[in-house]
């Protein structure tokens, strides 16, 4: 599966896929509707921002803040667990159906 982005259409990529007998699904070009990582990153960034502001009251470039960025990011990631990932994965059939129904056009996702 790929999203038909130009970088996936390069000759060397297409040759590799053909030589290794990797089938390519038909896919709406660069469809954000089916990219679960974007949803995950959006949620992770929002949670990180909220938690970081609780600690520092504002975005900061201080040395203390820079040390805490990594710690806070890991805390947020592990506190969310796999619940959001599972929800996003379980939503794929509905997402695919919505894109098919919209003939590759806009969907609510």
PDB file of N, CA and C in Angstrom:
ATOM      1  N   UNK A   1       0.844  -1.160   0.000  1.00  0.00           N
ATOM      2  CA  UNK A   1       0.000   0.000   0.000  1.00  0.00           C
ATOM      3  C   UNK A   1       0.898   1.234   0.000  1.00  0.00           C
ATOM      4  N   UNK A   2       0.558   2.200  -0.794  1.00  0.00           N
ATOM      5  CA  UNK A   2       1.248   3.483  -0.812  1.00  0.00           C
ATOM      6  C   UNK A   2       0.237   4.540  -1.200  1.00  0.00           C
ATOM      7  N   UNK A   3       0.584   5.802  -0.988  1.00  0.00           N
ATOM      8  CA  UNK A   3      -0.413   6.842  -1.215  1.00  0.00           C
ATOM      9  C   UNK A   3      -0.230   7.584  -2.536  1.00  0.00           C
ATOM     10  N   UNK A   4       0.512   7.035  -3.463  1.00  0.00           N
ATOM     11  CA  UNK A   4       0.735   7.624  -4.788  1.00  0.00           C
ATOM     12  C   UNK A   4       1.432   8.977  -4.731  1.00  0.00           C
ATOM     13  N   UNK A   5       2.123   9.251  -3.635  1.00  0.00           N
ATOM     14  CA  UNK A   5       2.911  10.473  -3.554  1.00  0.00           C
ATOM     15  C   UNK A   5       4.024  10.394  -4.602  1.00  0.00           C
ATOM     16  N   UNK A   6       4.466  11.535  -5.140  1.00  0.00           N
ATOM     17  CA  UNK A   6       5.498  11.520  -6.181  1.00  0.00           C
ATOM     18  C   UNK A   6       6.750  10.737  -5.800  1.00  0.00           C
ATOM     19  N   UNK A   7       7.148  10.773  -4.528  1.00  0.00           N
ATOM     20  CA  UNK A   7       8.357  10.034  -4.136  1.00  0.00           C
ATOM     21  C   UNK A   7       8.174   8.526  -4.269  1.00  0.00           C
ATOM     22  N   UNK A   8       6.937   8.043  -4.258  1.00  0.00           N
ATOM     23  CA  UNK A   8       6.672   6.619  -4.413  1.00  0.00           C
ATOM     24  C   UNK A   8       6.591   6.218  -5.885  1.00  0.00           C
ATOM     25  N   UNK A   9       6.572   7.191  -6.744  1.00  0.00           N
ATOM     26  CA  UNK A   9       6.439   6.925  -8.172  1.00  0.00           C
ATOM     27  C   UNK A   9       7.788   6.929  -8.892  1.00  0.00           C
ATOM     28  N   UNK A  10       8.873   7.036  -8.151  1.00  0.00           N
ATOM     29  CA  UNK A  10      10.178   7.076  -8.803  1.00  0.00           C
ATOM     30  C   UNK A  10      10.459   5.735  -9.470  1.00  0.00           C
ATOM     31  N   UNK A  11      11.269   5.760 -10.484  1.00  0.00           N
ATOM     32  CA  UNK A  11      11.583   4.560 -11.250  1.00  0.00           C
ATOM     33  C   UNK A  11      12.162   3.474 -10.369  1.00  0.00           C
ATOM     34  N   UNK A  12      13.098   3.845  -9.481  1.00  0.00           N
ATOM     35  CA  UNK A  12      13.741   2.814  -8.653  1.00  0.00           C
ATOM     36  C   UNK A  12      12.740   2.156  -7.701  1.00  0.00           C
ATOM     37  N   UNK A  13      11.783   2.919  -7.178  1.00  0.00           N
ATOM     38  CA  UNK A  13      10.775   2.342  -6.287  1.00  0.00           C
ATOM     39  C   UNK A  13       9.868   1.398  -7.064  1.00  0.00           C
ATOM     40  N   UNK A  14       9.393   1.843  -8.218  1.00  0.00           N
ATOM     41  CA  UNK A  14       8.515   0.998  -9.030  1.00  0.00           C
ATOM     42  C   UNK A  14       9.222  -0.269  -9.489  1.00  0.00           C
ATOM     43  N   UNK A  15      10.507  -0.161  -9.858  1.00  0.00           N
ATOM     44  CA  UNK A  15      11.287  -1.341 -10.251  1.00  0.00           C
ATOM     45  C   UNK A  15      11.432  -2.306  -9.081  1.00  0.00           C
ATOM     46  N   UNK A  16      11.740  -1.774  -7.905  1.00  0.00           N
ATOM     47  CA  UNK A  16      11.875  -2.623  -6.716  1.00  0.00           C
ATOM     48  C   UNK A  16      10.588  -3.388  -6.449  1.00  0.00           C
ATOM     49  N   UNK A  17       9.469  -2.682  -6.482  1.00  0.00           N
ATOM     50  CA  UNK A  17       8.185  -3.332  -6.225  1.00  0.00           C
ATOM     51  C   UNK A  17       7.890  -4.408  -7.257  1.00  0.00           C
ATOM     52  N   UNK A  18       8.179  -4.126  -8.519  1.00  0.00           N
ATOM     53  CA  UNK A  18       7.938  -5.105  -9.584  1.00  0.00           C
ATOM     54  C   UNK A  18       8.850  -6.318  -9.424  1.00  0.00           C
ATOM     55  N   UNK A  19      10.145  -6.070  -9.173  1.00  0.00           N
ATOM     56  CA  UNK A  19      11.105  -7.173  -9.023  1.00  0.00           C
ATOM     57  C   UNK A  19      10.773  -8.071  -7.836  1.00  0.00           C
ATOM     58  N   UNK A  20      10.186  -7.510  -6.815  1.00  0.00           N
ATOM     59  CA  UNK A  20       9.864  -8.270  -5.609  1.00  0.00           C
ATOM     60  C   UNK A  20       8.409  -8.700  -5.547  1.00  0.00           C
ATOM     61  N   UNK A  21       7.716  -8.537  -6.678  1.00  0.00           N
ATOM     62  CA  UNK A  21       6.328  -8.986  -6.814  1.00  0.00           C
ATOM     63  C   UNK A  21       5.432  -8.416  -5.716  1.00  0.00           C
ATOM     64  N   UNK A  22       5.597  -7.145  -5.442  1.00  0.00           N
ATOM     65  CA  UNK A  22       4.784  -6.462  -4.433  1.00  0.00           C
ATOM     66  C   UNK A  22       3.613  -5.797  -5.149  1.00  0.00           C
ATOM     67  N   UNK A  23       2.387  -6.249  -4.868  1.00  0.00           N
ATOM     68  CA  UNK A  23       1.233  -5.630  -5.528  1.00  0.00           C
ATOM     69  C   UNK A  23       0.976  -4.236  -4.950  1.00  0.00           C
ATOM     70  N   UNK A  24       0.454  -3.371  -5.777  1.00  0.00           N
ATOM     71  CA  UNK A  24       0.151  -2.011  -5.356  1.00  0.00           C
ATOM     72  C   UNK A  24      -1.356  -1.814  -5.413  1.00  0.00           C
ATOM     73  N   UNK A  25      -1.927  -1.393  -4.295  1.00  0.00           N
ATOM     74  CA  UNK A  25      -3.364  -1.112  -4.253  1.00  0.00           C
ATOM     75  C   UNK A  25      -3.652   0.176  -5.005  1.00  0.00           C
ATOM     76  N   UNK A  26      -4.837   0.253  -5.583  1.00  0.00           N
ATOM     77  CA  UNK A  26      -5.275   1.544  -6.112  1.00  0.00           C
ATOM     78  C   UNK A  26      -5.576   2.419  -4.903  1.00  0.00           C
ATOM     79  N   UNK A  27      -5.128   3.651  -4.948  1.00  0.00           N
ATOM     80  CA  UNK A  27      -5.219   4.512  -3.777  1.00  0.00           C
ATOM     81  C   UNK A  27      -5.431   5.943  -4.217  1.00  0.00           C
ATOM     82  N   UNK A  28      -6.330   6.666  -3.586  1.00  0.00           N
ATOM     83  CA  UNK A  28      -6.484   8.076  -3.942  1.00  0.00           C
ATOM     84  C   UNK A  28      -5.157   8.811  -3.699  1.00  0.00           C
ATOM     85  N   UNK A  29      -4.715   9.641  -4.638  1.00  0.00           N
ATOM     86  CA  UNK A  29      -3.429  10.317  -4.477  1.00  0.00           C
ATOM     87  C   UNK A  29      -3.371  11.156  -3.208  1.00  0.00           C
ATOM     88  N   UNK A  30      -2.351  10.898  -2.410  1.00  0.00           N
ATOM     89  CA  UNK A  30      -2.040  11.660  -1.200  1.00  0.00           C
ATOM     90  C   UNK A  30      -3.261  11.909  -0.322  1.00  0.00           C
ATOM     91  N   UNK A  31      -4.052  10.894  -0.124  1.00  0.00           N
ATOM     92  CA  UNK A  31      -5.286  11.038   0.644  1.00  0.00           C
ATOM     93  C   UNK A  31      -5.010  11.090   2.143  1.00  0.00           C
ATOM     94  N   UNK A  32      -5.257  12.226   2.795  1.00  0.00           N
ATOM     95  CA  UNK A  32      -5.095  12.278   4.245  1.00  0.00           C
ATOM     96  C   UNK A  32      -6.184  11.503   4.966  1.00  0.00           C
ATOM     97  N   UNK A  33      -7.248  11.174   4.259  1.00  0.00           N
ATOM     98  CA  UNK A  33      -8.371  10.472   4.870  1.00  0.00           C
ATOM     99  C   UNK A  33      -7.981   9.095   5.394  1.00  0.00           C
ATOM    100  N   UNK A  34      -6.943   8.504   4.846  1.00  0.00           N
ATOM    101  CA  UNK A  34      -6.578   7.147   5.216  1.00  0.00           C
ATOM    102  C   UNK A  34      -5.235   7.085   5.942  1.00  0.00           C
ATOM    103  N   UNK A  35      -4.681   8.208   6.307  1.00  0.00           N
ATOM    104  CA  UNK A  35      -3.397   8.242   6.971  1.00  0.00           C
ATOM    105  C   UNK A  35      -3.612   8.349   8.480  1.00  0.00           C
ATOM    106  N   UNK A  36      -3.548   7.219   9.160  1.00  0.00           N
ATOM    107  CA  UNK A  36      -3.800   7.182  10.593  1.00  0.00           C
ATOM    108  C   UNK A  36      -2.725   7.891  11.398  1.00  0.00           C
ATOM    109  N   UNK A  37      -1.512   7.929  10.880  1.00  0.00           N
ATOM    110  CA  UNK A  37      -0.410   8.563  11.603  1.00  0.00           C
ATOM    111  C   UNK A  37      -0.697  10.044  11.825  1.00  0.00           C
ATOM    112  N   UNK A  38      -1.323  10.703  10.856  1.00  0.00           N
ATOM    113  CA  UNK A  38      -1.628  12.123  11.020  1.00  0.00           C
ATOM    114  C   UNK A  38      -2.572  12.335  12.204  1.00  0.00           C
ATOM    115  N   UNK A  39      -3.562  11.459  12.373  1.00  0.00           N
ATOM    116  CA  UNK A  39      -4.465  11.560  13.520  1.00  0.00           C
ATOM    117  C   UNK A  39      -3.712  11.325  14.828  1.00  0.00           C
ATOM    118  N   UNK A  40      -2.829  10.350  14.827  1.00  0.00           N
ATOM    119  CA  UNK A  40      -2.053  10.028  16.017  1.00  0.00           C
ATOM    120  C   UNK A  40      -1.144  11.196  16.399  1.00  0.00           C
ATOM    121  N   UNK A  41      -0.458  11.784  15.413  1.00  0.00           N
ATOM    122  CA  UNK A  41       0.431  12.917  15.686  1.00  0.00           C
ATOM    123  C   UNK A  41      -0.347  14.116  16.190  1.00  0.00           C
ATOM    124  N   UNK A  42      -1.509  14.376  15.618  1.00  0.00           N
ATOM    125  CA  UNK A  42      -2.320  15.512  16.054  1.00  0.00           C
ATOM    126  C   UNK A  42      -2.688  15.360  17.526  1.00  0.00           C
ATOM    127  N   UNK A  43      -3.130  14.179  17.911  1.00  0.00           N
ATOM    128  CA  UNK A  43      -3.506  13.934  19.294  1.00  0.00           C
ATOM    129  C   UNK A  43      -2.295  14.011  20.217  1.00  0.00           C
ATOM    130  N   UNK A  44      -1.188  13.419  19.803  1.00  0.00           N
ATOM    131  CA  UNK A  44       0.027  13.431  20.614  1.00  0.00           C
ATOM    132  C   UNK A  44       0.520  14.868  20.842  1.00  0.00           C
ATOM    133  N   UNK A  45       0.515  15.671  19.776  1.00  0.00           N
ATOM    134  CA  UNK A  45       0.971  17.062  19.909  1.00  0.00           C
ATOM    135  C   UNK A  45       0.066  17.858  20.838  1.00  0.00           C
ATOM    136  N   UNK A  46      -1.236  17.653  20.732  1.00  0.00           N
ATOM    137  CA  UNK A  46      -2.179  18.388  21.586  1.00  0.00           C
ATOM    138  C   UNK A  46      -1.975  18.012  23.056  1.00  0.00           C
ATOM    139  N   UNK A  47      -1.842  16.734  23.336  1.00  0.00           N
ATOM    140  CA  UNK A  47      -1.629  16.285  24.714  1.00  0.00           C
ATOM    141  C   UNK A  47      -0.291  16.773  25.255  1.00  0.00           C
ATOM    142  N   UNK A  48       0.734  16.713  24.416  1.00  0.00           N
ATOM    143  CA  UNK A  48       2.062  17.196  24.818  1.00  0.00           C
ATOM    144  C   UNK A  48       1.982  18.680  25.170  1.00  0.00           C
ATOM    145  N   UNK A  49       1.349  19.449  24.309  1.00  0.00           N
ATOM    146  CA  UNK A  49       1.260  20.893  24.514  1.00  0.00           C
ATOM    147  C   UNK A  49       0.534  21.203  25.827  1.00  0.00           C
ATOM    148  N   UNK A  50      -0.585  20.522  26.066  1.00  0.00           N
ATOM    149  CA  UNK A  50      -1.342  20.745  27.307  1.00  0.00           C
ATOM    150  C   UNK A  50      -0.491  20.439  28.535  1.00  0.00           C
ATOM    151  N   UNK A  51       0.161  19.272  28.507  1.00  0.00           N
ATOM    152  CA  UNK A  51       0.951  18.866  29.674  1.00  0.00           C
ATOM    153  C   UNK A  51       2.158  19.778  29.867  1.00  0.00           C
ATOM    154  N   UNK A  52       2.784  20.177  28.781  1.00  0.00           N
ATOM    155  CA  UNK A  52       3.954  21.034  28.898  1.00  0.00           C
ATOM    156  C   UNK A  52       3.567  22.404  29.453  1.00  0.00           C
ATOM    157  N   UNK A  53       2.439  22.931  28.997  1.00  0.00           N
ATOM    158  CA  UNK A  53       1.999  24.234  29.507  1.00  0.00           C
ATOM    159  C   UNK A  53       1.631  24.170  30.990  1.00  0.00           C
ATOM    160  N   UNK A  54       1.152  23.023  31.453  1.00  0.00           N
ATOM    161  CA  UNK A  54       0.880  22.869  32.879  1.00  0.00           C
ATOM    162  C   UNK A  54       2.161  23.001  33.690  1.00  0.00           C
ATOM    163  N   UNK A  55       3.275  22.548  33.125  1.00  0.00           N
ATOM    164  CA  UNK A  55       4.549  22.621  33.832  1.00  0.00           C
ATOM    165  C   UNK A  55       5.196  23.998  33.750  1.00  0.00           C
ATOM    166  N   UNK A  56       5.092  24.647  32.584  1.00  0.00           N
ATOM    167  CA  UNK A  56       5.839  25.879  32.352  1.00  0.00           C
ATOM    168  C   UNK A  56       4.983  27.117  32.101  1.00  0.00           C
ATOM    169  N   UNK A  57       3.673  26.977  32.007  1.00  0.00           N
ATOM    170  CA  UNK A  57       2.742  28.093  31.778  1.00  0.00           C
ATOM    171  C   UNK A  57       2.840  28.738  30.401  1.00  0.00           C
ATOM    172  N   UNK A  58       3.873  28.483  29.648  1.00  0.00           N
ATOM    173  CA  UNK A  58       4.037  29.046  28.300  1.00  0.00           C
ATOM    174  C   UNK A  58       5.129  28.263  27.582  1.00  0.00           C
ATOM    175  N   UNK A  59       5.130  28.279  26.250  1.00  0.00           N
ATOM    176  CA  UNK A  59       6.238  27.637  25.538  1.00  0.00           C
ATOM    177  C   UNK A  59       7.546  28.304  25.952  1.00  0.00           C
ATOM    178  N   UNK A  60       8.576  27.537  26.073  1.00  0.00           N
ATOM    179  CA  UNK A  60       9.840  28.070  26.572  1.00  0.00           C
ATOM    180  C   UNK A  60      11.017  27.471  25.821  1.00  0.00           C
ATOM    181  N   UNK A  61      12.064  28.256  25.683  1.00  0.00           N
ATOM    182  CA  UNK A  61      13.314  27.774  25.095  1.00  0.00           C
ATOM    183  C   UNK A  61      14.403  27.675  26.157  1.00  0.00           C
ATOM    184  N   UNK A  62      14.001  27.747  27.416  1.00  0.00           N
ATOM    185  CA  UNK A  62      14.980  27.679  28.494  1.00  0.00           C
ATOM    186  C   UNK A  62      15.656  26.311  28.497  1.00  0.00           C
ATOM    187  N   UNK A  63      16.809  26.253  29.113  1.00  0.00           N
ATOM    188  CA  UNK A  63      17.541  24.998  29.205  1.00  0.00           C
ATOM    189  C   UNK A  63      16.720  23.949  29.955  1.00  0.00           C
ATOM    190  N   UNK A  64      16.062  24.365  31.032  1.00  0.00           N
ATOM    191  CA  UNK A  64      15.221  23.440  31.795  1.00  0.00           C
ATOM    192  C   UNK A  64      14.104  22.871  30.924  1.00  0.00           C
ATOM    193  N   UNK A  65      13.462  23.754  30.142  1.00  0.00           N
ATOM    194  CA  UNK A  65      12.374  23.309  29.267  1.00  0.00           C
ATOM    195  C   UNK A  65      12.876  22.318  28.239  1.00  0.00           C
ATOM    196  N   UNK A  66      14.027  22.597  27.655  1.00  0.00           N
ATOM    197  CA  UNK A  66      14.566  21.678  26.640  1.00  0.00           C
ATOM    198  C   UNK A  66      14.847  20.305  27.221  1.00  0.00           C
ATOM    199  N   UNK A  67      15.327  20.248  28.449  1.00  0.00           N
ATOM    200  CA  UNK A  67      15.562  18.946  29.080  1.00  0.00           C
ATOM    201  C   UNK A  67      14.246  18.203  29.311  1.00  0.00           C
ATOM    202  N   UNK A  68      13.213  18.948  29.614  1.00  0.00           N
ATOM    203  CA  UNK A  68      11.926  18.329  29.928  1.00  0.00           C
ATOM    204  C   UNK A  68      11.137  17.897  28.689  1.00  0.00           C
ATOM    205  N   UNK A  69      11.421  18.474  27.518  1.00  0.00           N
ATOM    206  CA  UNK A  69      10.664  18.122  26.308  1.00  0.00           C
ATOM    207  C   UNK A  69      10.612  16.618  26.090  1.00  0.00           C
ATOM    208  N   UNK A  70      11.766  15.984  26.082  1.00  0.00           N
ATOM    209  CA  UNK A  70      11.820  14.546  25.843  1.00  0.00           C
ATOM    210  C   UNK A  70      11.083  13.753  26.898  1.00  0.00           C
ATOM    211  N   UNK A  71      11.241  14.171  28.158  1.00  0.00           N
ATOM    212  CA  UNK A  71      10.565  13.473  29.246  1.00  0.00           C
ATOM    213  C   UNK A  71       9.046  13.592  29.123  1.00  0.00           C
ATOM    214  N   UNK A  72       8.586  14.799  28.855  1.00  0.00           N
ATOM    215  CA  UNK A  72       7.140  15.026  28.733  1.00  0.00           C
ATOM    216  C   UNK A  72       6.578  14.268  27.538  1.00  0.00           C
ATOM    217  N   UNK A  73       7.297  14.271  26.442  1.00  0.00           N
ATOM    218  CA  UNK A  73       6.843  13.562  25.252  1.00  0.00           C
ATOM    219  C   UNK A  73       6.681  12.074  25.540  1.00  0.00           C
ATOM    220  N   UNK A  74       7.664  11.492  26.220  1.00  0.00           N
ATOM    221  CA  UNK A  74       7.555  10.073  26.568  1.00  0.00           C
ATOM    222  C   UNK A  74       6.408   9.824  27.544  1.00  0.00           C
ATOM    223  N   UNK A  75       6.236  10.707  28.528  1.00  0.00           N
ATOM    224  CA  UNK A  75       5.131  10.557  29.477  1.00  0.00           C
ATOM    225  C   UNK A  75       3.791  10.563  28.749  1.00  0.00           C
ATOM    226  N   UNK A  76       3.642  11.490  27.818  1.00  0.00           N
ATOM    227  CA  UNK A  76       2.382  11.593  27.061  1.00  0.00           C
ATOM    228  C   UNK A  76       2.165  10.334  26.235  1.00  0.00           C
ATOM    229  N   UNK A  77       3.189   9.900  25.530  1.00  0.00           N
ATOM    230  CA  UNK A  77       3.062   8.718  24.673  1.00  0.00           C
ATOM    231  C   UNK A  77       2.654   7.496  25.488  1.00  0.00           C
ATOM    232  N   UNK A  78       3.348   7.254  26.588  1.00  0.00           N
ATOM    233  CA  UNK A  78       3.059   6.057  27.380  1.00  0.00           C
ATOM    234  C   UNK A  78       1.768   6.182  28.177  1.00  0.00           C
ATOM    235  N   UNK A  79       1.349   7.388  28.519  1.00  0.00           N
ATOM    236  CA  UNK A  79       0.095   7.538  29.251  1.00  0.00           C
ATOM    237  C   UNK A  79      -1.103   7.262  28.355  1.00  0.00           C
ATOM    238  N   UNK A  80      -0.955   7.507  27.054  1.00  0.00           N
ATOM    239  CA  UNK A  80      -2.051   7.242  26.128  1.00  0.00           C
ATOM    240  C   UNK A  80      -2.206   5.760  25.862  1.00  0.00           C
ATOM    241  N   UNK A  81      -1.133   5.002  26.033  1.00  0.00           N
ATOM    242  CA  UNK A  81      -1.191   3.577  25.762  1.00  0.00           C
ATOM    243  C   UNK A  81      -1.527   3.322  24.295  1.00  0.00           C
ATOM    244  N   UNK A  82      -2.108   2.199  24.050  1.00  0.00           N
ATOM    245  CA  UNK A  82      -2.430   1.817  22.681  1.00  0.00           C
ATOM    246  C   UNK A  82      -3.898   2.063  22.348  1.00  0.00           C
ATOM    247  N   UNK A  83      -4.627   2.689  23.251  1.00  0.00           N
ATOM    248  CA  UNK A  83      -6.063   2.872  23.035  1.00  0.00           C
ATOM    249  C   UNK A  83      -6.371   3.642  21.752  1.00  0.00           C
ATOM    250  N   UNK A  84      -5.712   4.792  21.557  1.00  0.00           N
ATOM    251  CA  UNK A  84      -5.972   5.583  20.361  1.00  0.00           C
ATOM    252  C   UNK A  84      -5.540   4.826  19.106  1.00  0.00           C
ATOM    253  N   UNK A  85      -4.411   4.146  19.179  1.00  0.00           N
ATOM    254  CA  UNK A  85      -3.931   3.371  18.024  1.00  0.00           C
ATOM    255  C   UNK A  85      -4.968   2.318  17.649  1.00  0.00           C
ATOM    256  N   UNK A  86      -5.497   1.624  18.637  1.00  0.00           N
ATOM    257  CA  UNK A  86      -6.497   0.591  18.374  1.00  0.00           C
ATOM    258  C   UNK A  86      -7.770   1.190  17.777  1.00  0.00           C
ATOM    259  N   UNK A  87      -8.208   2.324  18.304  1.00  0.00           N
ATOM    260  CA  UNK A  87      -9.402   2.992  17.773  1.00  0.00           C
ATOM    261  C   UNK A  87      -9.179   3.381  16.312  1.00  0.00           C
ATOM    262  N   UNK A  88      -8.006   3.933  16.024  1.00  0.00           N
ATOM    263  CA  UNK A  88      -7.716   4.341  14.644  1.00  0.00           C
ATOM    264  C   UNK A  88      -7.671   3.137  13.701  1.00  0.00           C
ATOM    265  N   UNK A  89      -7.046   2.067  14.135  1.00  0.00           N
ATOM    266  CA  UNK A  89      -6.979   0.858  13.306  1.00  0.00           C
ATOM    267  C   UNK A  89      -8.382   0.306  13.066  1.00  0.00           C
ATOM    268  N   UNK A  90      -9.190   0.263  14.114  1.00  0.00           N
ATOM    269  CA  UNK A  90     -10.556  -0.250  13.976  1.00  0.00           C
ATOM    270  C   UNK A  90     -11.421   0.631  13.075  1.00  0.00           C
ATOM    271  N   UNK A  91     -11.026   1.895  12.892  1.00  0.00           N
ATOM    272  CA  UNK A  91     -11.803   2.799  12.043  1.00  0.00           C
ATOM    273  C   UNK A  91     -11.499   2.636  10.554  1.00  0.00           C
ATOM    274  N   UNK A  92     -10.488   1.857  10.205  1.00  0.00           N
ATOM    275  CA  UNK A  92     -10.083   1.736   8.794  1.00  0.00           C
ATOM    276  C   UNK A  92     -11.186   1.230   7.873  1.00  0.00           C
ATOM    277  N   UNK A  93     -11.961   0.211   8.244  1.00  0.00           N
ATOM    278  CA  UNK A  93     -13.025  -0.204   7.320  1.00  0.00           C
ATOM    279  C   UNK A  93     -14.001   0.930   6.995  1.00  0.00           C
ATOM    280  N   UNK A  94     -14.372   1.706   8.014  1.00  0.00           N
ATOM    281  CA  UNK A  94     -15.283   2.824   7.779  1.00  0.00           C
ATOM    282  C   UNK A  94     -14.606   3.913   6.934  1.00  0.00           C
ATOM    283  N   UNK A  95     -13.331   4.165   7.187  1.00  0.00           N
ATOM    284  CA  UNK A  95     -12.590   5.170   6.416  1.00  0.00           C
ATOM    285  C   UNK A  95     -12.511   4.762   4.943  1.00  0.00           C
ATOM    286  N   UNK A  96     -12.164   3.488   4.715  1.00  0.00           N
ATOM    287  CA  UNK A  96     -12.062   2.997   3.331  1.00  0.00           C
ATOM    288  C   UNK A  96     -13.414   3.090   2.629  1.00  0.00           C
ATOM    289  N   UNK A  97     -14.471   2.684   3.321  1.00  0.00           N
ATOM    290  CA  UNK A  97     -15.809   2.746   2.726  1.00  0.00           C
ATOM    291  C   UNK A  97     -16.189   4.186   2.393  1.00  0.00           C
ATOM    292  N   UNK A  98     -15.832   5.123   3.273  1.00  0.00           N
ATOM    293  CA  UNK A  98     -16.167   6.533   3.038  1.00  0.00           C
ATOM    294  C   UNK A  98     -15.421   7.079   1.824  1.00  0.00           C
ATOM    295  N   UNK A  99     -14.148   6.698   1.672  1.00  0.00           N
ATOM    296  CA  UNK A  99     -13.366   7.169   0.523  1.00  0.00           C
ATOM    297  C   UNK A  99     -13.905   6.566  -0.773  1.00  0.00           C
ATOM    298  N   UNK A 100     -14.283   5.287  -0.720  1.00  0.00           N
ATOM    299  CA  UNK A 100     -14.856   4.642  -1.906  1.00  0.00           C
ATOM    300  C   UNK A 100     -16.174   5.319  -2.278  1.00  0.00           C
ATOM    301  N   UNK A 101     -17.004   5.562  -1.276  1.00  0.00           N
ATOM    302  CA  UNK A 101     -18.289   6.213  -1.539  1.00  0.00           C
ATOM    303  C   UNK A 101     -18.094   7.624  -2.106  1.00  0.00           C
ATOM    304  N   UNK A 102     -17.069   8.326  -1.625  1.00  0.00           N
ATOM    305  CA  UNK A 102     -16.796   9.691  -2.095  1.00  0.00           C
ATOM    306  C   UNK A 102     -15.950   9.684  -3.374  1.00  0.00           C
ATOM    307  N   UNK A 103     -15.698   8.489  -3.911  1.00  0.00           N
ATOM    308  CA  UNK A 103     -14.899   8.320  -5.125  1.00  0.00           C
ATOM    309  C   UNK A 103     -13.546   9.047  -5.019  1.00  0.00           C
ATOM    310  N   UNK A 104     -12.910   8.874  -3.863  1.00  0.00           N
ATOM    311  CA  UNK A 104     -11.593   9.477  -3.636  1.00  0.00           C
ATOM    312  C   UNK A 104     -11.646  10.914  -3.191  1.00  0.00           C
ATOM    313  N   UNK A 105     -12.841  11.450  -3.033  1.00  0.00           N
ATOM    314  CA  UNK A 105     -12.991  12.849  -2.617  1.00  0.00           C
ATOM    315  C   UNK A 105     -12.984  13.000  -1.106  1.00  0.00           C
ATOM    316  N   UNK A 106     -13.381  14.171  -0.639  1.00  0.00           N
ATOM    317  CA  UNK A 106     -13.371  14.524   0.766  1.00  0.00           C
ATOM    318  C   UNK A 106     -14.305  13.637   1.572  1.00  0.00           C
ATOM    319  N   UNK A 107     -13.868  13.302   2.778  1.00  0.00           N
ATOM    320  CA  UNK A 107     -14.713  12.581   3.727  1.00  0.00           C
ATOM    321  C   UNK A 107     -14.607  13.271   5.074  1.00  0.00           C
ATOM    322  N   UNK A 108     -15.382  12.831   6.042  1.00  0.00           N
ATOM    323  CA  UNK A 108     -15.338  13.428   7.371  1.00  0.00           C
ATOM    324  C   UNK A 108     -14.050  13.086   8.106  1.00  0.00           C
ATOM    325  N   UNK A 109     -13.304  12.128   7.614  1.00  0.00           N
ATOM    326  CA  UNK A 109     -12.070  11.742   8.288  1.00  0.00           C
ATOM    327  C   UNK A 109     -10.963  12.665   7.858  1.00  0.00           C
TER     328      UNK A 109
END
